Amino acid sequence: MLSDPASLGIAAASLLLVVGLVAGLGRAIRAAGLAGAGAAGRRLAVIEAVAIDPKRRLVLLRCDGREALVLTGPAGDLLLEAPR
């Protein structure tokens, strides 16, 4: 089937061509903004998180376009600033 070097070279070149076309199509879809439709539909995001000490963190969250500042720690979580 692939006994001679010429047919082996054609098979390898064909494989590289197909892999290149798939990679190019993936990049084109991402560049067009069509990929990540699930990411666009996400409602919750962690904007920033800062460690205050080894056990406590300040976390800025965004949900439905509103932001909230939350202090997390071993004693529980505390909402410091709520959306208005």
PDB file of N, CA and C in Angstrom:
ATOM      1  N   MET A   1       0.837  -1.178   0.000  1.00  0.00           N
ATOM      2  CA  MET A   1       0.000   0.000   0.000  1.00  0.00           C
ATOM      3  C   MET A   1       0.887   1.249   0.000  1.00  0.00           C
ATOM      4  N   LEU A   2       1.675   1.466   1.034  1.00  0.00           N
ATOM      5  CA  LEU A   2       2.623   2.574   1.085  1.00  0.00           C
ATOM      6  C   LEU A   2       4.038   2.008   1.040  1.00  0.00           C
ATOM      7  N   SER A   3       4.289   1.174   0.048  1.00  0.00           N
ATOM      8  CA  SER A   3       5.574   0.490   0.004  1.00  0.00           C
ATOM      9  C   SER A   3       6.684   1.338  -0.583  1.00  0.00           C
ATOM     10  N   ASP A   4       6.336   2.243  -1.508  1.00  0.00           N
ATOM     11  CA  ASP A   4       7.412   3.040  -2.098  1.00  0.00           C
ATOM     12  C   ASP A   4       7.467   4.424  -1.442  1.00  0.00           C
ATOM     13  N   PRO A   5       8.629   5.047  -1.458  1.00  0.00           N
ATOM     14  CA  PRO A   5       8.803   6.354  -0.799  1.00  0.00           C
ATOM     15  C   PRO A   5       7.940   7.461  -1.394  1.00  0.00           C
ATOM     16  N   ALA A   6       7.612   7.378  -2.657  1.00  0.00           N
ATOM     17  CA  ALA A   6       6.802   8.432  -3.287  1.00  0.00           C
ATOM     18  C   ALA A   6       5.393   8.448  -2.699  1.00  0.00           C
ATOM     19  N   SER A   7       4.785   7.291  -2.560  1.00  0.00           N
ATOM     20  CA  SER A   7       3.429   7.247  -2.009  1.00  0.00           C
ATOM     21  C   SER A   7       3.432   7.604  -0.521  1.00  0.00           C
ATOM     22  N   LEU A   8       4.506   7.269   0.177  1.00  0.00           N
ATOM     23  CA  LEU A   8       4.628   7.655   1.580  1.00  0.00           C
ATOM     24  C   LEU A   8       4.742   9.169   1.703  1.00  0.00           C
ATOM     25  N   GLY A   9       5.498   9.796   0.810  1.00  0.00           N
ATOM     26  CA  GLY A   9       5.620  11.253   0.805  1.00  0.00           C
ATOM     27  C   GLY A   9       4.306  11.938   0.483  1.00  0.00           C
ATOM     28  N   ILE A  10       3.554  11.387  -0.459  1.00  0.00           N
ATOM     29  CA  ILE A  10       2.243  11.957  -0.809  1.00  0.00           C
ATOM     30  C   ILE A  10       1.293  11.836   0.377  1.00  0.00           C
ATOM     31  N   ALA A  11       1.317  10.706   1.073  1.00  0.00           N
ATOM     32  CA  ALA A  11       0.449  10.508   2.237  1.00  0.00           C
ATOM     33  C   ALA A  11       0.811  11.489   3.349  1.00  0.00           C
ATOM     34  N   ALA A  12       2.093  11.685   3.585  1.00  0.00           N
ATOM     35  CA  ALA A  12       2.526  12.622   4.635  1.00  0.00           C
ATOM     36  C   ALA A  12       2.148  14.054   4.271  1.00  0.00           C
ATOM     37  N   ALA A  13       2.336  14.428   3.013  1.00  0.00           N
ATOM     38  CA  ALA A  13       1.971  15.776   2.570  1.00  0.00           C
ATOM     39  C   ALA A  13       0.464  15.985   2.670  1.00  0.00           C
ATOM     40  N   SER A  14      -0.303  14.989   2.329  1.00  0.00           N
ATOM     41  CA  SER A  14      -1.761  15.093   2.431  1.00  0.00           C
ATOM     42  C   SER A  14      -2.201  15.263   3.879  1.00  0.00           C
ATOM     43  N   LEU A  15      -1.571  14.513   4.762  1.00  0.00           N
ATOM     44  CA  LEU A  15      -1.896  14.630   6.184  1.00  0.00           C
ATOM     45  C   LEU A  15      -1.560  16.024   6.699  1.00  0.00           C
ATOM     46  N   LEU A  16      -0.408  16.549   6.336  1.00  0.00           N
ATOM     47  CA  LEU A  16      -0.030  17.905   6.751  1.00  0.00           C
ATOM     48  C   LEU A  16      -0.992  18.943   6.191  1.00  0.00           C
ATOM     49  N   LEU A  17      -1.447  18.752   4.967  1.00  0.00           N
ATOM     50  CA  LEU A  17      -2.402  19.677   4.361  1.00  0.00           C
ATOM     51  C   LEU A  17      -3.729  19.677   5.126  1.00  0.00           C
ATOM     52  N   VAL A  18      -4.219  18.505   5.463  1.00  0.00           N
ATOM     53  CA  VAL A  18      -5.490  18.408   6.194  1.00  0.00           C
ATOM     54  C   VAL A  18      -5.358  19.020   7.586  1.00  0.00           C
ATOM     55  N   VAL A  19      -4.270  18.738   8.287  1.00  0.00           N
ATOM     56  CA  VAL A  19      -4.052  19.311   9.620  1.00  0.00           C
ATOM     57  C   VAL A  19      -3.955  20.832   9.527  1.00  0.00           C
ATOM     58  N   GLY A  20      -3.264  21.331   8.506  1.00  0.00           N
ATOM     59  CA  GLY A  20      -3.158  22.773   8.307  1.00  0.00           C
ATOM     60  C   GLY A  20      -4.505  23.418   8.019  1.00  0.00           C
ATOM     61  N   LEU A  21      -5.318  22.765   7.202  1.00  0.00           N
ATOM     62  CA  LEU A  21      -6.648  23.305   6.906  1.00  0.00           C
ATOM     63  C   LEU A  21      -7.535  23.341   8.150  1.00  0.00           C
ATOM     64  N   VAL A  22      -7.481  22.310   8.969  1.00  0.00           N
ATOM     65  CA  VAL A  22      -8.277  22.284  10.200  1.00  0.00           C
ATOM     66  C   VAL A  22      -7.814  23.377  11.158  1.00  0.00           C
ATOM     67  N   ALA A  23      -6.496  23.545  11.304  1.00  0.00           N
ATOM     68  CA  ALA A  23      -5.976  24.589  12.185  1.00  0.00           C
ATOM     69  C   ALA A  23      -6.341  25.970  11.658  1.00  0.00           C
ATOM     70  N   GLY A  24      -6.233  26.177  10.360  1.00  0.00           N
ATOM     71  CA  GLY A  24      -6.603  27.465   9.765  1.00  0.00           C
ATOM     72  C   GLY A  24      -8.072  27.769   9.922  1.00  0.00           C
ATOM     73  N   LEU A  25      -8.911  26.764   9.770  1.00  0.00           N
ATOM     74  CA  LEU A  25     -10.352  26.956   9.957  1.00  0.00           C
ATOM     75  C   LEU A  25     -10.669  27.313  11.401  1.00  0.00           C
ATOM     76  N   GLY A  26      -9.983  26.678  12.344  1.00  0.00           N
ATOM     77  CA  GLY A  26     -10.188  27.004  13.763  1.00  0.00           C
ATOM     78  C   GLY A  26      -9.809  28.436  14.069  1.00  0.00           C
ATOM     79  N   ARG A  27      -8.689  28.889  13.516  1.00  0.00           N
ATOM     80  CA  ARG A  27      -8.268  30.281  13.730  1.00  0.00           C
ATOM     81  C   ARG A  27      -9.245  31.260  13.093  1.00  0.00           C
ATOM     82  N   ALA A  28      -9.735  30.933  11.926  1.00  0.00           N
ATOM     83  CA  ALA A  28     -10.685  31.815  11.244  1.00  0.00           C
ATOM     84  C   ALA A  28     -11.990  31.932  12.025  1.00  0.00           C
ATOM     85  N   ILE A  29     -12.441  30.838  12.596  1.00  0.00           N
ATOM     86  CA  ILE A  29     -13.677  30.862  13.388  1.00  0.00           C
ATOM     87  C   ILE A  29     -13.483  31.706  14.639  1.00  0.00           C
ATOM     88  N   ARG A  30     -12.327  31.550  15.308  1.00  0.00           N
ATOM     89  CA  ARG A  30     -12.054  32.358  16.499  1.00  0.00           C
ATOM     90  C   ARG A  30     -11.913  33.831  16.149  1.00  0.00           C
ATOM     91  N   ALA A  31     -11.263  34.138  15.033  1.00  0.00           N
ATOM     92  CA  ALA A  31     -11.068  35.526  14.625  1.00  0.00           C
ATOM     93  C   ALA A  31     -12.395  36.185  14.256  1.00  0.00           C
ATOM     94  N   ALA A  32     -13.326  35.405  13.724  1.00  0.00           N
ATOM     95  CA  ALA A  32     -14.629  35.938  13.343  1.00  0.00           C
ATOM     96  C   ALA A  32     -15.537  36.106  14.553  1.00  0.00           C
ATOM     97  N   GLY A  33     -15.106  35.612  15.704  1.00  0.00           N
ATOM     98  CA  GLY A  33     -15.915  35.754  16.913  1.00  0.00           C
ATOM     99  C   GLY A  33     -17.014  34.725  17.032  1.00  0.00           C
ATOM    100  N   LEU A  34     -16.953  33.686  16.223  1.00  0.00           N
ATOM    101  CA  LEU A  34     -17.989  32.662  16.275  1.00  0.00           C
ATOM    102  C   LEU A  34     -17.717  31.626  17.352  1.00  0.00           C
ATOM    103  N   ALA A  35     -16.459  31.465  17.726  1.00  0.00           N
ATOM    104  CA  ALA A  35     -16.117  30.513  18.781  1.00  0.00           C
ATOM    105  C   ALA A  35     -16.362  31.148  20.133  1.00  0.00           C
ATOM    106  N   GLY A  36     -16.587  30.340  21.118  1.00  0.00           N
ATOM    107  CA  GLY A  36     -16.776  30.855  22.472  1.00  0.00           C
ATOM    108  C   GLY A  36     -18.156  31.425  22.689  1.00  0.00           C
ATOM    109  N   ALA A  37     -19.150  30.910  21.956  1.00  0.00           N
ATOM    110  CA  ALA A  37     -20.515  31.391  22.154  1.00  0.00           C
ATOM    111  C   ALA A  37     -20.962  31.109  23.587  1.00  0.00           C
ATOM    112  N   GLY A  38     -20.417  30.038  24.193  1.00  0.00           N
ATOM    113  CA  GLY A  38     -20.745  29.752  25.585  1.00  0.00           C
ATOM    114  C   GLY A  38     -20.143  30.789  26.520  1.00  0.00           C
ATOM    115  N   ALA A  39     -18.961  31.285  26.183  1.00  0.00           N
ATOM    116  CA  ALA A  39     -18.314  32.294  27.021  1.00  0.00           C
ATOM    117  C   ALA A  39     -19.096  33.604  26.979  1.00  0.00           C
ATOM    118  N   ALA A  40     -19.672  33.924  25.828  1.00  0.00           N
ATOM    119  CA  ALA A  40     -20.445  35.159  25.721  1.00  0.00           C
ATOM    120  C   ALA A  40     -21.733  35.057  26.543  1.00  0.00           C
ATOM    121  N   GLY A  41     -22.205  33.851  26.750  1.00  0.00           N
ATOM    122  CA  GLY A  41     -23.432  33.655  27.502  1.00  0.00           C
ATOM    123  C   GLY A  41     -23.208  33.522  29.003  1.00  0.00           C
ATOM    124  N   ARG A  42     -21.983  33.621  29.444  1.00  0.00           N
ATOM    125  CA  ARG A  42     -21.704  33.478  30.876  1.00  0.00           C
ATOM    126  C   ARG A  42     -22.201  34.705  31.627  1.00  0.00           C
ATOM    127  N   ARG A  43     -22.751  34.468  32.790  1.00  0.00           N
ATOM    128  CA  ARG A  43     -23.311  35.549  33.595  1.00  0.00           C
ATOM    129  C   ARG A  43     -22.419  35.923  34.760  1.00  0.00           C
ATOM    130  N   LEU A  44     -21.514  35.056  35.159  1.00  0.00           N
ATOM    131  CA  LEU A  44     -20.702  35.282  36.352  1.00  0.00           C
ATOM    132  C   LEU A  44     -19.228  35.266  35.979  1.00  0.00           C
ATOM    133  N   ALA A  45     -18.474  36.250  36.501  1.00  0.00           N
ATOM    134  CA  ALA A  45     -17.035  36.307  36.228  1.00  0.00           C
ATOM    135  C   ALA A  45     -16.305  36.860  37.443  1.00  0.00           C
ATOM    136  N   VAL A  46     -15.125  36.325  37.702  1.00  0.00           N
ATOM    137  CA  VAL A  46     -14.241  36.868  38.730  1.00  0.00           C
ATOM    138  C   VAL A  46     -13.368  37.910  38.032  1.00  0.00           C
ATOM    139  N   ILE A  47     -13.553  39.159  38.394  1.00  0.00           N
ATOM    140  CA  ILE A  47     -12.815  40.239  37.762  1.00  0.00           C
ATOM    141  C   ILE A  47     -11.399  40.313  38.325  1.00  0.00           C
ATOM    142  N   GLU A  48     -11.296  40.266  39.641  1.00  0.00           N
ATOM    143  CA  GLU A  48      -9.978  40.345  40.285  1.00  0.00           C
ATOM    144  C   GLU A  48     -10.077  39.722  41.667  1.00  0.00           C
ATOM    145  N   ALA A  49      -8.986  39.126  42.116  1.00  0.00           N
ATOM    146  CA  ALA A  49      -8.908  38.559  43.462  1.00  0.00           C
ATOM    147  C   ALA A  49      -7.559  38.944  44.052  1.00  0.00           C
ATOM    148  N   VAL A  50      -7.580  39.422  45.303  1.00  0.00           N
ATOM    149  CA  VAL A  50      -6.365  39.871  45.975  1.00  0.00           C
ATOM    150  C   VAL A  50      -6.284  39.189  47.337  1.00  0.00           C
ATOM    151  N   ALA A  51      -5.124  38.594  47.631  1.00  0.00           N
ATOM    152  CA  ALA A  51      -4.921  37.960  48.932  1.00  0.00           C
ATOM    153  C   ALA A  51      -4.575  39.033  49.958  1.00  0.00           C
ATOM    154  N   ILE A  52      -5.337  39.074  51.045  1.00  0.00           N
ATOM    155  CA  ILE A  52      -5.058  40.010  52.133  1.00  0.00           C
ATOM    156  C   ILE A  52      -4.049  39.394  53.084  1.00  0.00           C
ATOM    157  N   ASP A  53      -4.264  38.144  53.421  1.00  0.00           N
ATOM    158  CA  ASP A  53      -3.322  37.353  54.198  1.00  0.00           C
ATOM    159  C   ASP A  53      -3.505  35.908  53.741  1.00  0.00           C
ATOM    160  N   PRO A  54      -2.788  34.947  54.340  1.00  0.00           N
ATOM    161  CA  PRO A  54      -2.885  33.572  53.837  1.00  0.00           C
ATOM    162  C   PRO A  54      -4.286  32.953  53.889  1.00  0.00           C
ATOM    163  N   LYS A  55      -5.172  33.518  54.701  1.00  0.00           N
ATOM    164  CA  LYS A  55      -6.501  32.910  54.838  1.00  0.00           C
ATOM    165  C   LYS A  55      -7.630  33.750  54.252  1.00  0.00           C
ATOM    166  N   ARG A  56      -7.396  35.023  53.987  1.00  0.00           N
ATOM    167  CA  ARG A  56      -8.475  35.896  53.511  1.00  0.00           C
ATOM    168  C   ARG A  56      -8.154  36.491  52.152  1.00  0.00           C
ATOM    169  N   ARG A  57      -9.213  36.673  51.350  1.00  0.00           N
ATOM    170  CA  ARG A  57      -9.076  37.247  50.019  1.00  0.00           C
ATOM    171  C   ARG A  57     -10.214  38.223  49.761  1.00  0.00           C
ATOM    172  N   LEU A  58      -9.912  39.260  49.014  1.00  0.00           N
ATOM    173  CA  LEU A  58     -10.932  40.154  48.479  1.00  0.00           C
ATOM    174  C   LEU A  58     -11.174  39.738  47.040  1.00  0.00           C
ATOM    175  N   VAL A  59     -12.437  39.557  46.683  1.00  0.00           N
ATOM    176  CA  VAL A  59     -12.777  39.092  45.343  1.00  0.00           C
ATOM    177  C   VAL A  59     -13.801  40.052  44.747  1.00  0.00           C
ATOM    178  N   LEU A  60     -13.492  40.559  43.563  1.00  0.00           N
ATOM    179  CA  LEU A  60     -14.419  41.415  42.830  1.00  0.00           C
ATOM    180  C   LEU A  60     -15.117  40.539  41.799  1.00  0.00           C
ATOM    181  N   LEU A  61     -16.445  40.441  41.916  1.00  0.00           N
ATOM    182  CA  LEU A  61     -17.249  39.590  41.040  1.00  0.00           C
ATOM    183  C   LEU A  61     -18.135  40.451  40.149  1.00  0.00           C
ATOM    184  N   ARG A  62     -18.436  39.941  38.958  1.00  0.00           N
ATOM    185  CA  ARG A  62     -19.407  40.601  38.084  1.00  0.00           C
ATOM    186  C   ARG A  62     -20.481  39.579  37.737  1.00  0.00           C
ATOM    187  N   CYS A  63     -21.735  39.981  37.941  1.00  0.00           N
ATOM    188  CA  CYS A  63     -22.869  39.136  37.612  1.00  0.00           C
ATOM    189  C   CYS A  63     -23.928  39.995  36.933  1.00  0.00           C
ATOM    190  N   ASP A  64     -24.288  39.627  35.721  1.00  0.00           N
ATOM    191  CA  ASP A  64     -25.294  40.359  34.939  1.00  0.00           C
ATOM    192  C   ASP A  64     -24.957  41.843  34.817  1.00  0.00           C
ATOM    193  N   GLY A  65     -23.671  42.156  34.639  1.00  0.00           N
ATOM    194  CA  GLY A  65     -23.256  43.540  34.454  1.00  0.00           C
ATOM    195  C   GLY A  65     -23.099  44.340  35.736  1.00  0.00           C
ATOM    196  N   ARG A  66     -23.365  43.739  36.877  1.00  0.00           N
ATOM    197  CA  ARG A  66     -23.193  44.422  38.173  1.00  0.00           C
ATOM    198  C   ARG A  66     -21.999  43.814  38.888  1.00  0.00           C
ATOM    199  N   GLU A  67     -21.295  44.644  39.650  1.00  0.00           N
ATOM    200  CA  GLU A  67     -20.116  44.168  40.373  1.00  0.00           C
ATOM    201  C   GLU A  67     -20.379  44.121  41.871  1.00  0.00           C
ATOM    202  N   ALA A  68     -19.734  43.170  42.542  1.00  0.00           N
ATOM    203  CA  ALA A  68     -19.855  43.022  43.992  1.00  0.00           C
ATOM    204  C   ALA A  68     -18.479  42.696  44.554  1.00  0.00           C
ATOM    205  N   LEU A  69     -18.164  43.272  45.705  1.00  0.00           N
ATOM    206  CA  LEU A  69     -16.895  43.030  46.382  1.00  0.00           C
ATOM    207  C   LEU A  69     -17.166  42.114  47.573  1.00  0.00           C
ATOM    208  N   VAL A  70     -16.459  40.982  47.609  1.00  0.00           N
ATOM    209  CA  VAL A  70     -16.690  39.959  48.637  1.00  0.00           C
ATOM    210  C   VAL A  70     -15.373  39.666  49.349  1.00  0.00           C
ATOM    211  N   LEU A  71     -15.432  39.599  50.678  1.00  0.00           N
ATOM    212  CA  LEU A  71     -14.293  39.191  51.488  1.00  0.00           C
ATOM    213  C   LEU A  71     -14.518  37.731  51.864  1.00  0.00           C
ATOM    214  N   THR A  72     -13.579  36.855  51.475  1.00  0.00           N
ATOM    215  CA  THR A  72     -13.691  35.436  51.803  1.00  0.00           C
ATOM    216  C   THR A  72     -12.655  35.083  52.853  1.00  0.00           C
ATOM    217  N   GLY A  73     -12.998  34.134  53.716  1.00  0.00           N
ATOM    218  CA  GLY A  73     -12.076  33.709  54.757  1.00  0.00           C
ATOM    219  C   GLY A  73     -12.633  32.533  55.521  1.00  0.00           C
ATOM    220  N   PRO A  74     -11.881  32.034  56.489  1.00  0.00           N
ATOM    221  CA  PRO A  74     -12.310  30.859  57.240  1.00  0.00           C
ATOM    222  C   PRO A  74     -13.562  31.113  58.086  1.00  0.00           C
ATOM    223  N   ALA A  75     -13.793  32.362  58.479  1.00  0.00           N
ATOM    224  CA  ALA A  75     -14.970  32.662  59.288  1.00  0.00           C
ATOM    225  C   ALA A  75     -16.235  32.773  58.435  1.00  0.00           C
ATOM    226  N   GLY A  76     -16.078  32.780  57.120  1.00  0.00           N
ATOM    227  CA  GLY A  76     -17.211  32.891  56.205  1.00  0.00           C
ATOM    228  C   GLY A  76     -16.951  33.984  55.184  1.00  0.00           C
ATOM    229  N   ASP A  77     -17.946  34.242  54.374  1.00  0.00           N
ATOM    230  CA  ASP A  77     -17.835  35.246  53.339  1.00  0.00           C
ATOM    231  C   ASP A  77     -18.657  36.465  53.725  1.00  0.00           C
ATOM    232  N   LEU A  78     -18.173  37.643  53.355  1.00  0.00           N
ATOM    233  CA  LEU A  78     -18.842  38.882  53.719  1.00  0.00           C
ATOM    234  C   LEU A  78     -18.952  39.753  52.465  1.00  0.00           C
ATOM    235  N   LEU A  79     -20.170  40.172  52.161  1.00  0.00           N
ATOM    236  CA  LEU A  79     -20.409  41.077  51.035  1.00  0.00           C
ATOM    237  C   LEU A  79     -20.104  42.482  51.497  1.00  0.00           C
ATOM    238  N   LEU A  80     -19.033  43.082  50.947  1.00  0.00           N
ATOM    239  CA  LEU A  80     -18.619  44.417  51.379  1.00  0.00           C
ATOM    240  C   LEU A  80     -19.312  45.526  50.605  1.00  0.00           C
ATOM    241  N   GLU A  81     -19.510  45.312  49.319  1.00  0.00           N
ATOM    242  CA  GLU A  81     -20.153  46.325  48.503  1.00  0.00           C
ATOM    243  C   GLU A  81     -21.059  45.624  47.512  1.00  0.00           C
ATOM    244  N   ALA A  82     -22.331  45.978  47.583  1.00  0.00           N
ATOM    245  CA  ALA A  82     -23.329  45.363  46.713  1.00  0.00           C
ATOM    246  C   ALA A  82     -23.658  46.306  45.568  1.00  0.00           C
ATOM    247  N   PRO A  83     -24.163  45.747  44.469  1.00  0.00           N
ATOM    248  CA  PRO A  83     -24.587  46.608  43.368  1.00  0.00           C
ATOM    249  C   PRO A  83     -25.722  47.521  43.768  1.00  0.00           C
ATOM    250  N   ARG A  84     -25.744  48.688  43.167  1.00  0.00           N
ATOM    251  CA  ARG A  84     -26.807  49.641  43.496  1.00  0.00           C
ATOM    252  C   ARG A  84     -27.864  49.646  42.440  1.00  0.00           C
TER     253      ARG A  84
END
